[in-house]
Protein backbone atom coordinates (compact mmCIF):
# COMPACT_ATOMS: atom_id res chain seq x y z
CA MET A 1 153.03 132.23 107.59
CA ASN A 2 149.54 130.51 107.96
CA LEU A 3 147.63 132.44 104.88
CA LEU A 4 150.64 132.15 102.80
CA LEU A 5 150.59 128.11 103.32
CA LEU A 6 146.52 128.29 102.87
CA LEU A 7 147.86 129.92 99.68
CA LEU A 8 149.85 127.43 98.53
CA MET A 9 147.89 124.63 99.30
CA ASN A 10 145.01 126.54 97.04
CA PHE A 11 147.36 126.80 94.39
CA TYR A 12 148.16 122.88 94.33
CA ALA A 13 144.57 122.35 94.09
CA PHE A 14 144.27 124.19 90.72
CA SER A 15 147.66 123.28 89.56
CA GLN A 16 146.09 119.55 89.23
CA GLU A 17 143.48 120.51 86.93
CA ARG A 18 141.33 121.88 90.15
CA SER A 19 140.63 117.82 90.90
CA VAL A 20 140.29 117.07 94.70
CA GLN A 21 143.40 115.10 95.40
CA ASP A 22 142.09 111.93 97.21
CA LEU A 23 144.50 109.57 99.69
CA SER A 24 145.39 106.45 99.02
CA LEU A 25 147.38 103.32 99.52
CA ALA A 26 149.95 102.80 96.98
CA GLY A 27 147.63 104.04 94.42
CA LEU A 28 144.80 101.51 95.12
CA ARG A 29 141.92 103.14 96.54
CA LEU A 30 140.88 100.92 99.21
CA ALA A 31 137.10 101.99 100.02
CA GLU A 32 135.06 100.57 103.64
CA GLN A 33 132.78 97.56 103.35
CA ARG A 34 129.00 99.10 103.98
CA LEU A 35 127.37 95.60 102.38
CA PRO A 36 128.68 91.84 103.75
CA VAL A 37 129.26 89.88 101.30
CA ALA A 38 129.64 85.63 101.68
CA LEU A 39 132.37 84.20 99.45
CA SER A 40 129.80 80.84 100.03
CA ASP A 41 127.52 82.82 97.68
CA PHE A 42 129.95 82.95 95.25
CA VAL A 43 129.68 79.62 92.73
CA LEU A 44 132.92 78.55 90.58
CA LYS A 45 131.91 76.79 87.56
CA LYS A 46 134.53 75.25 85.35
CA GLU A 47 132.88 74.74 81.52
CA ASN A 48 135.45 71.82 80.56
CA ARG A 49 135.24 70.16 84.08
CA THR A 50 139.36 70.02 83.56
CA LYS A 51 141.24 68.73 87.21
CA ILE A 52 141.98 72.21 87.99
CA GLY A 53 141.74 73.58 91.99
CA LEU A 54 139.90 76.91 92.73
CA GLN A 55 139.68 77.38 96.44
CA TRP A 56 138.75 81.28 97.66
CA GLN A 57 141.39 82.73 100.13
CA ASN A 58 139.50 83.44 103.75
CA ASP A 59 138.88 86.84 104.51
CA SER A 60 140.56 87.97 101.25
CA VAL A 61 137.20 90.36 100.69
CA GLN A 62 138.50 94.22 99.71
CA TRP A 63 136.01 96.85 98.71
CA ILE A 64 137.95 99.04 96.38
CA ARG A 65 136.32 101.97 93.58
CA LEU A 66 136.65 101.44 89.77
CA ASN A 67 136.45 105.03 87.61
CA GLU A 68 136.39 106.89 91.20
CA VAL A 69 132.94 106.12 91.84
CA LEU A 70 131.50 102.44 91.82
CA LEU A 71 132.21 100.87 95.10
CA MET A 72 133.02 97.11 94.42
CA PRO A 73 134.53 94.04 96.05
CA ARG A 74 137.12 91.79 95.18
CA ALA A 75 138.59 88.54 96.83
CA LYS A 76 141.64 86.04 95.84
CA LEU A 77 141.04 83.14 94.28
CA ARG A 78 144.04 80.32 94.16
CA ILE A 79 143.99 78.50 90.72
CA GLN A 80 146.32 75.49 90.40
CA ILE A 81 146.87 73.25 87.50
CA PRO A 82 148.25 69.87 87.58
CA SER A 83 151.24 70.67 85.35
CA THR A 84 154.43 72.64 85.03
CA GLU A 85 153.53 72.81 81.37
CA PRO A 86 155.34 76.48 80.73
CA SER A 87 153.04 77.37 77.89
CA PHE A 88 149.67 77.90 80.56
CA HIS A 89 148.58 81.29 81.02
CA ILE A 90 145.35 83.17 82.12
CA LYS A 91 143.33 86.14 81.24
CA TYR A 92 141.09 87.88 83.16
CA LEU A 93 139.70 91.71 82.83
CA ASN A 94 141.95 92.17 79.85
CA LYS A 95 145.12 91.31 81.75
CA VAL A 96 147.28 88.16 80.97
CA PHE A 97 148.61 86.61 84.30
CA LEU A 98 151.49 83.61 84.20
CA LEU A 99 151.69 81.29 86.49
CA GLN A 100 154.57 79.84 89.37
CA SER A 101 155.36 75.82 89.06
CA TYR A 102 155.59 74.62 92.60
CA LYS A 103 155.57 70.96 93.89
CA GLY A 104 154.27 69.63 90.29
CA ARG A 105 151.96 71.88 89.81
CA ALA A 106 150.90 75.58 88.12
CA THR A 107 149.72 78.14 91.16
CA LEU A 108 148.22 81.58 90.44
CA ASP A 109 146.52 83.81 93.49
CA LEU A 110 144.32 86.32 91.57
CA TRP A 111 142.40 88.86 92.76
CA VAL A 112 138.95 88.55 91.49
CA SER A 113 135.97 91.21 90.95
CA LEU A 114 133.18 89.92 92.59
CA PHE A 115 130.33 92.23 90.98
CA ARG A 116 131.62 91.66 87.59
CA ALA A 117 130.13 88.16 85.89
CA GLU A 118 133.68 88.32 83.50
CA PRO A 119 134.79 84.88 83.02
CA ILE A 120 138.32 84.00 83.46
CA THR A 121 140.10 81.80 80.75
CA ILE A 122 143.32 79.34 81.01
CA TYR A 123 145.12 79.01 77.83
CA LYS A 124 147.65 76.54 76.87
CA GLY A 125 149.80 77.70 74.09
CA ALA A 126 146.99 79.44 71.82
CA ASP A 127 144.46 77.16 72.82
CA VAL A 128 141.74 77.82 75.49
CA PHE A 129 142.15 74.91 78.00
CA GLU A 130 139.50 76.22 80.60
CA VAL A 131 136.31 78.92 80.90
CA ILE A 132 135.90 79.50 85.18
CA SER A 133 132.59 81.52 85.36
CA VAL A 134 131.75 83.25 88.45
CA SER A 135 128.33 83.74 89.37
CA ALA A 136 126.00 84.64 92.80
CA GLU A 137 123.58 82.51 94.02
CA LYS A 138 120.92 84.18 96.22
CA SER A 139 122.32 84.77 99.85
CA SER A 140 121.24 82.50 102.82
CA LYS A 141 123.14 84.85 104.73
CA ASN A 142 122.62 88.65 103.63
CA LYS A 143 118.91 89.57 102.65
CA ASN A 144 120.00 92.80 101.38
CA THR A 145 122.66 92.16 98.00
CA GLN A 146 122.21 95.88 96.46
CA LEU A 147 124.62 98.43 97.12
CA ILE A 148 123.61 101.88 96.30
CA ASP A 149 126.45 104.14 97.22
CA TYR A 150 126.46 107.53 98.89
CA SER A 151 127.27 108.86 95.78
CA CYS A 152 123.80 108.49 94.42
CA ALA A 153 121.91 108.94 97.75
CA ALA A 154 121.16 112.87 96.77
CA TRP A 155 119.39 111.64 93.57
CA GLY A 156 116.72 109.05 94.81
CA VAL A 157 118.56 106.19 92.66
CA GLU A 158 116.43 103.01 92.77
CA VAL A 159 117.22 99.46 90.71
CA LYS A 160 114.58 97.05 90.28
CA GLY A 161 114.75 93.52 88.67
CA LEU A 162 117.65 92.01 90.46
CA ASP A 163 116.82 92.01 93.97
CA ASP A 164 118.17 88.60 94.49
CA ASP A 165 121.40 89.69 92.66
CA TYR A 166 124.82 91.25 94.32
CA LEU A 167 124.77 94.62 92.42
CA SER A 168 126.58 97.63 92.52
CA VAL A 169 125.28 101.24 91.80
CA GLY A 170 127.56 104.65 91.88
CA CYS A 171 127.02 108.14 90.75
CA GLN A 172 128.88 111.15 89.15
CA PHE A 173 126.48 114.47 88.90
CA HIS A 174 127.63 117.10 86.13
CA ARG A 175 125.62 120.28 84.66
CA SER A 176 125.73 121.40 81.19
CA GLY A 177 124.73 124.78 79.67
CA LYS A 178 124.76 128.54 80.74
CA VAL A 179 124.32 129.48 84.04
CA GLY A 180 120.74 130.21 84.94
CA SER A 181 119.55 127.48 82.65
CA GLU A 182 121.62 124.60 83.28
CA ILE A 183 120.41 121.09 83.15
CA PRO A 184 121.47 118.38 85.34
CA HIS A 185 122.90 115.30 84.23
CA LEU A 186 123.51 112.11 86.20
CA GLU A 187 126.11 109.74 84.97
CA ILE A 188 124.93 105.98 86.73
CA LEU A 189 127.59 103.31 86.87
CA TRP A 190 126.58 99.54 88.01
CA SER A 191 127.54 96.16 87.75
CA ALA A 192 126.05 93.00 89.06
CA ALA A 193 127.71 89.53 90.62
CA SER A 194 125.93 87.15 87.51
CA TYR A 195 123.87 89.47 85.20
CA ARG A 196 125.32 90.85 81.45
CA LEU A 197 124.08 92.61 78.89
CA ALA A 198 123.11 90.13 76.10
CA ASP A 199 125.68 91.29 74.09
CA ASN A 200 128.19 90.25 76.73
CA SER A 201 130.22 93.09 76.52
CA PRO A 202 132.22 93.93 80.13
CA SER A 203 130.76 96.00 83.32
CA PRO A 204 130.65 98.41 84.68
CA TYR A 205 127.72 99.77 82.59
CA TYR A 206 126.69 103.54 82.05
CA ALA A 207 123.73 105.33 82.14
CA SER A 208 123.36 108.83 81.47
CA ILE A 209 120.00 110.64 82.79
CA THR A 210 119.02 114.13 82.21
CA ASN A 211 115.32 113.95 83.43
CA SER A 212 113.33 111.79 85.92
CA GLU A 213 112.05 109.60 83.11
CA PRO A 214 113.39 105.78 84.28
CA ILE A 215 115.74 103.86 82.18
CA GLU A 216 114.60 99.87 80.81
CA PHE A 217 116.81 97.48 79.53
CA GLU A 218 117.62 93.99 79.80
CA VAL A 219 120.11 91.52 81.07
CA ILE A 220 121.29 87.59 80.99
CA ASN A 221 122.94 85.23 82.91
CA ASN A 222 125.11 82.39 82.38
CA LYS A 223 122.05 80.06 82.38
CA LEU A 224 120.62 82.53 79.56
CA GLU A 225 117.96 84.01 81.92
CA LYS A 226 116.89 87.16 81.16
CA ARG A 227 115.78 89.88 83.04
CA LYS A 228 114.36 93.25 82.93
CA VAL A 229 115.91 96.01 85.06
CA THR A 230 114.79 99.38 85.53
CA ILE A 231 116.87 102.70 87.05
CA VAL A 232 114.62 105.23 88.29
CA THR A 233 115.93 108.20 90.11
CA LYS A 234 114.31 111.61 91.46
CA LEU A 235 116.52 114.24 89.55
CA PRO A 236 115.11 117.71 89.82
CA LYS A 237 115.07 119.97 86.22
CA ARG A 238 117.16 122.59 87.70
CA VAL A 239 119.91 122.39 90.20
CA LYS A 240 120.57 126.33 91.30
CA ARG A 241 124.08 127.47 92.01
CA LEU A 242 123.22 129.65 94.97
CA ARG A 243 121.43 129.07 98.27
CA VAL A 244 121.04 131.00 101.21
CA GLY A 245 120.10 130.07 104.68
CA PHE A 246 119.05 131.63 107.72
CA GLY A 247 119.54 130.70 111.41
CA LEU A 248 118.58 131.25 114.95
CA GLY A 249 119.14 130.17 118.33
CA PRO A 250 120.46 130.80 122.44
CA HIS A 251 124.03 132.17 122.34
CA GLN A 252 125.52 133.55 126.06
CA PHE A 253 126.70 137.02 125.22
CA LYS A 254 129.99 138.20 127.20
CA THR A 255 131.01 141.31 127.27
CA MET A 256 134.41 143.21 128.74
CA GLU A 257 134.95 146.85 128.54
CA ASN A 258 137.91 148.49 131.12
CA LYS A 259 137.46 145.37 133.02
CA THR A 260 133.71 145.32 133.47
CA THR A 261 132.32 142.34 132.75
CA GLU A 262 128.43 141.58 131.53
CA ASP A 263 127.53 137.59 130.75
CA ARG A 264 123.56 137.47 129.48
CA TRP A 265 121.75 134.88 127.22
CA THR A 266 120.48 136.29 124.49
CA GLY A 267 118.81 135.16 120.78
CA SER A 268 121.51 135.43 118.06
CA TYR A 269 120.93 135.34 113.92
CA PHE A 270 122.71 134.16 111.36
CA LEU A 271 123.19 134.48 107.44
CA TYR A 272 124.70 132.18 105.15
CA SER A 273 125.35 131.63 101.69
CA ASN A 274 127.26 129.70 99.19
CA LEU A 275 127.62 130.11 95.41
CA TYR A 276 128.92 126.99 93.71
CA LEU A 277 131.69 127.91 90.95
CA ALA A 278 132.88 124.56 89.85
CA ASP A 279 133.56 121.29 91.26
CA GLY A 280 135.17 121.43 94.99
CA VAL A 281 135.10 125.03 94.35
CA SER A 282 132.26 128.04 95.57
CA LEU A 283 132.32 131.27 97.33
CA ARG A 284 130.87 131.33 100.59
CA ALA A 285 129.07 134.55 103.08
CA PHE A 286 128.13 134.40 106.82
CA ASP A 287 126.80 136.84 108.65
CA ALA A 288 126.42 136.83 112.73
CA TYR A 289 124.76 138.88 114.78
CA THR A 290 122.71 139.37 118.00
CA ARG A 291 121.91 142.70 120.54
CA GLN A 292 121.47 142.65 123.99
CA ASN A 293 123.33 145.00 126.11
CA ALA A 294 125.86 145.47 123.48
CA THR A 295 125.97 144.97 119.71
CA PHE A 296 127.68 142.44 117.73
CA ASN A 297 128.24 141.86 114.20
CA ASN A 298 130.72 139.21 112.66
CA ALA A 299 130.59 139.51 108.36
CA GLY A 300 132.70 137.51 106.08
CA LEU A 301 132.94 136.69 102.69
CA TYR A 302 135.37 133.21 101.85
CA TYR A 303 136.68 131.56 98.84
CA ALA A 304 136.22 128.40 99.20
CA THR A 305 138.71 125.27 97.86
CA GLU A 306 137.92 121.52 98.65
CA ILE A 307 141.56 120.15 98.24
CA SER A 308 141.54 116.81 99.57
CA LYS A 309 139.65 113.53 100.51
CA PHE A 310 140.14 110.68 102.17
CA PHE A 311 138.88 107.20 103.70
CA ASP A 312 136.77 106.33 100.96
CA ASN A 313 135.25 109.96 99.87
CA ARG A 314 133.73 110.28 103.21
CA PHE A 315 136.03 113.39 104.34
CA SER A 316 137.17 116.36 102.48
CA PHE A 317 139.17 119.21 103.81
CA THR A 318 138.38 122.50 102.56
CA THR A 319 140.17 125.82 102.74
CA LEU A 320 138.73 129.18 103.32
CA ILE A 321 140.60 132.14 102.29
CA GLY A 322 138.83 135.75 102.33
CA ALA A 323 138.14 138.60 104.60
CA GLN A 324 135.41 139.99 107.36
CA ILE A 325 134.02 142.81 108.56
CA LEU A 326 133.97 142.84 112.21
CA THR A 327 131.06 145.90 113.97
CA TYR A 328 130.83 145.67 117.92
CA GLU A 329 129.23 148.60 119.88
CA THR A 330 129.82 148.09 123.54
CA PRO A 331 127.85 148.44 126.71
CA MET A 332 128.88 152.01 127.28
CA GLY A 333 128.54 152.94 123.69
CA GLU A 334 131.91 152.62 122.03
CA ASN A 335 131.94 151.60 118.70
CA PHE A 336 134.30 149.45 116.60
CA ASN A 337 134.53 148.85 113.22
CA GLU A 338 137.52 147.43 111.21
CA ALA A 339 137.92 144.36 108.27
CA ILE A 340 140.03 141.47 109.84
CA PHE A 341 142.12 139.15 107.80
CA PRO A 342 141.45 135.61 109.79
CA GLN A 343 141.73 132.52 107.67
CA GLY A 344 140.39 128.91 107.74
CA GLY A 345 139.33 125.88 107.06
CA GLU A 346 136.75 122.89 107.73
CA ILE A 347 136.77 119.20 107.65
CA VAL A 348 133.39 117.30 106.33
CA TRP A 349 132.26 113.88 107.31
CA SER A 350 129.95 112.86 104.58
CA HIS A 351 127.11 110.63 105.64
CA PRO A 352 128.03 110.16 109.34
CA PHE A 353 127.33 107.09 110.97
CA GLY A 354 125.76 105.57 107.92
CA LEU A 355 122.96 108.58 107.42
CA LYS A 356 122.82 109.51 104.02
CA ASN A 357 122.49 112.78 103.15
CA TYR A 358 123.48 113.99 106.48
CA ARG A 359 127.41 115.87 107.06
CA MET A 360 128.98 116.65 110.06
CA THR A 361 131.40 119.75 109.62
CA ALA A 362 134.22 120.91 112.00
CA GLY A 363 135.45 124.47 111.45
CA LEU A 364 137.65 127.42 112.52
CA PHE A 365 139.14 130.93 111.37
CA PHE A 366 142.34 131.93 113.00
CA ASP A 367 143.97 135.13 113.18
CA LEU A 368 147.69 136.50 113.95
CA SER A 369 146.81 139.74 113.76
CA GLN A 370 149.02 141.70 117.07
CA ALA A 371 146.40 144.42 117.11
CA HIS A 372 143.51 141.91 118.31
CA THR A 373 142.36 138.73 119.35
CA TYR A 374 139.81 136.64 117.19
CA GLN A 375 138.65 133.23 117.20
CA ASN A 376 135.59 131.44 115.01
CA ASN A 377 134.58 127.58 115.69
CA TRP A 378 132.01 125.76 114.44
CA LEU A 379 130.17 122.11 114.82
CA ARG A 380 127.59 121.74 112.50
CA PHE A 381 125.32 118.55 111.41
CA GLY A 382 122.16 118.10 109.54
CA THR A 383 120.99 117.99 105.98
CA SER A 384 119.94 121.14 104.33
CA THR A 385 118.30 122.04 107.80
CA PHE A 386 121.21 121.59 110.62
CA VAL A 387 122.06 122.32 114.30
CA GLU A 388 125.42 124.25 114.70
CA VAL A 389 127.17 125.04 117.81
CA ASN A 390 129.43 128.18 117.40
CA TYR A 391 132.00 130.03 119.55
CA ILE A 392 133.07 133.50 118.16
CA LYS A 393 135.35 135.59 120.37
CA TRP A 394 137.06 139.10 119.14
CA GLY A 395 139.06 141.61 121.68
CA ARG A 396 141.25 144.18 122.04
CA GLU A 397 143.47 145.12 125.36
CA ASN A 398 140.52 146.33 127.23
CA THR A 399 137.35 145.89 125.32
CA GLN A 400 136.37 142.07 124.91
CA ALA A 401 133.00 140.29 122.80
CA GLU A 402 132.59 136.66 123.16
CA LEU A 403 129.22 134.63 122.12
CA TRP A 404 128.32 131.12 122.29
CA GLY A 405 125.96 128.87 121.75
CA PHE A 406 123.49 127.05 119.49
CA SER A 407 121.25 127.49 116.39
CA ILE A 408 119.32 126.19 113.94
CA GLY A 409 119.65 126.45 110.31
CA PHE A 410 117.65 126.10 107.39
CA PRO A 411 117.34 127.17 103.91
CA ILE A 412 115.52 129.96 102.68
CA PHE A 413 115.61 130.51 98.76
CA GLU A 414 118.07 129.17 95.90
CA LEU A 415 118.94 131.78 92.81
CA PHE A 416 120.95 130.79 89.14
C-alpha cells in the first residue's frame, strides 16, 4: 500500500511536466522576511501636488515571490481623492484599479511593490490627474539593504554600485548542451527600489550568465542621477552530474543470534552517489559496511523525485523508490544474502538557521515485508561535507543486526 502511494505521488509529479509543486496560500506565494524594511524609508512624491491623501498602512509589509524566484516586499498604500467623481481610476503595474466612494472621498487600498520603482498614475477620465512616484531613501535603521536570495548563494552573486538602495536579487540555474560537455547557465533577476534602466522599462530585469565574467550596466533614478552597477558571480565552467562521496565514523554494532547478543563499537564506512537526471529528479545509490564480530553490508539504488516544496522553498519532500541488497554474516558464520525492497522519502531544510548553502536532511526507509524487519533512518547536516547520524536495523526470527552512530561524509570525485 505504501509503495503504491509513493508510485502515485511520483506519477503526479511527472503529470505536472516534472515541475515541483509548491504549497501556497490561495494562489499567493507568501515568503519569509529576510530583510527588515522600514516604511518610513520609502518616500511618496506627487508630481502635480494635488490634495490627494497618501498613507502607508502600518504592519502591512508582506514578502512574496515574483516569477518563482525574486523575493519582493509589498505594502498597502491608502490613496484618498477628495472627490466622488466616478471618472477617477488608477493604473499601476499594468493593472487598472477602480475606487470606492465613501463620505465624499474616493478611496483605494493599493498593494505597492516596494522594490520596483514603478509610478502610480491617477486618471480623471482620459487625462492624467496625478503621478505618484515611490523611492527609497538611505535607511537610518538598516545598514544592509540588499537581499540576495538563497537561490544565488551557491554561485557567489554580488551586486556592486547600489549599496545604499533597497535591492532584491534572485537566481535560476540551468544546463545547456550535451551530457559531458554541458555549459552552466545562470539567470539572474533583480529589482531596485529607486533605480531603473535608462529607457524606463519596468523591472524585474534579467541577466544571463554562462561564465564568471562580470556584467556592467547603467541605471537612473527619478532625480536623473546615474549609477554604474556591476553583477559579479563565481559560476564554474562545468557543473557535473554525478557526485560520489565517502563517509566513515564510529557505530555501535549489535548482533543477536539464537538469543545470544553481542554489542560492540566499531568503525563503519559509507559510499554515496547522486546522478542528476533533471530538475528535482536523480538516481541515488548508497552502501553501508561494517565489520567487527560479524560482517554487515547494506547497499541500495533509488530513483529520487522531489515532489513538493513549501515554506518559501526552504523545505522540500523527495520520494525514494528502489531496491537494496543486504549481506550479513553472523558471529557464528551463518550467511544471509537477500534483495529487499524498502521504500522511503526525505525532507530537506535548505539553508537552515540562515546558514547559506547548508542543508539539514531527515529521511527513512520502511519495509512491510513479513519475512524480515528493516529500518533505516538518518539525519544529515552540512554542505558538500556533512555530519550524519543514522540507524539501520535488519532481522529475522532468531537473527538480528543493529547499527547506529554517526559519520562524517565528504566528496571524493565528480563525473560527467
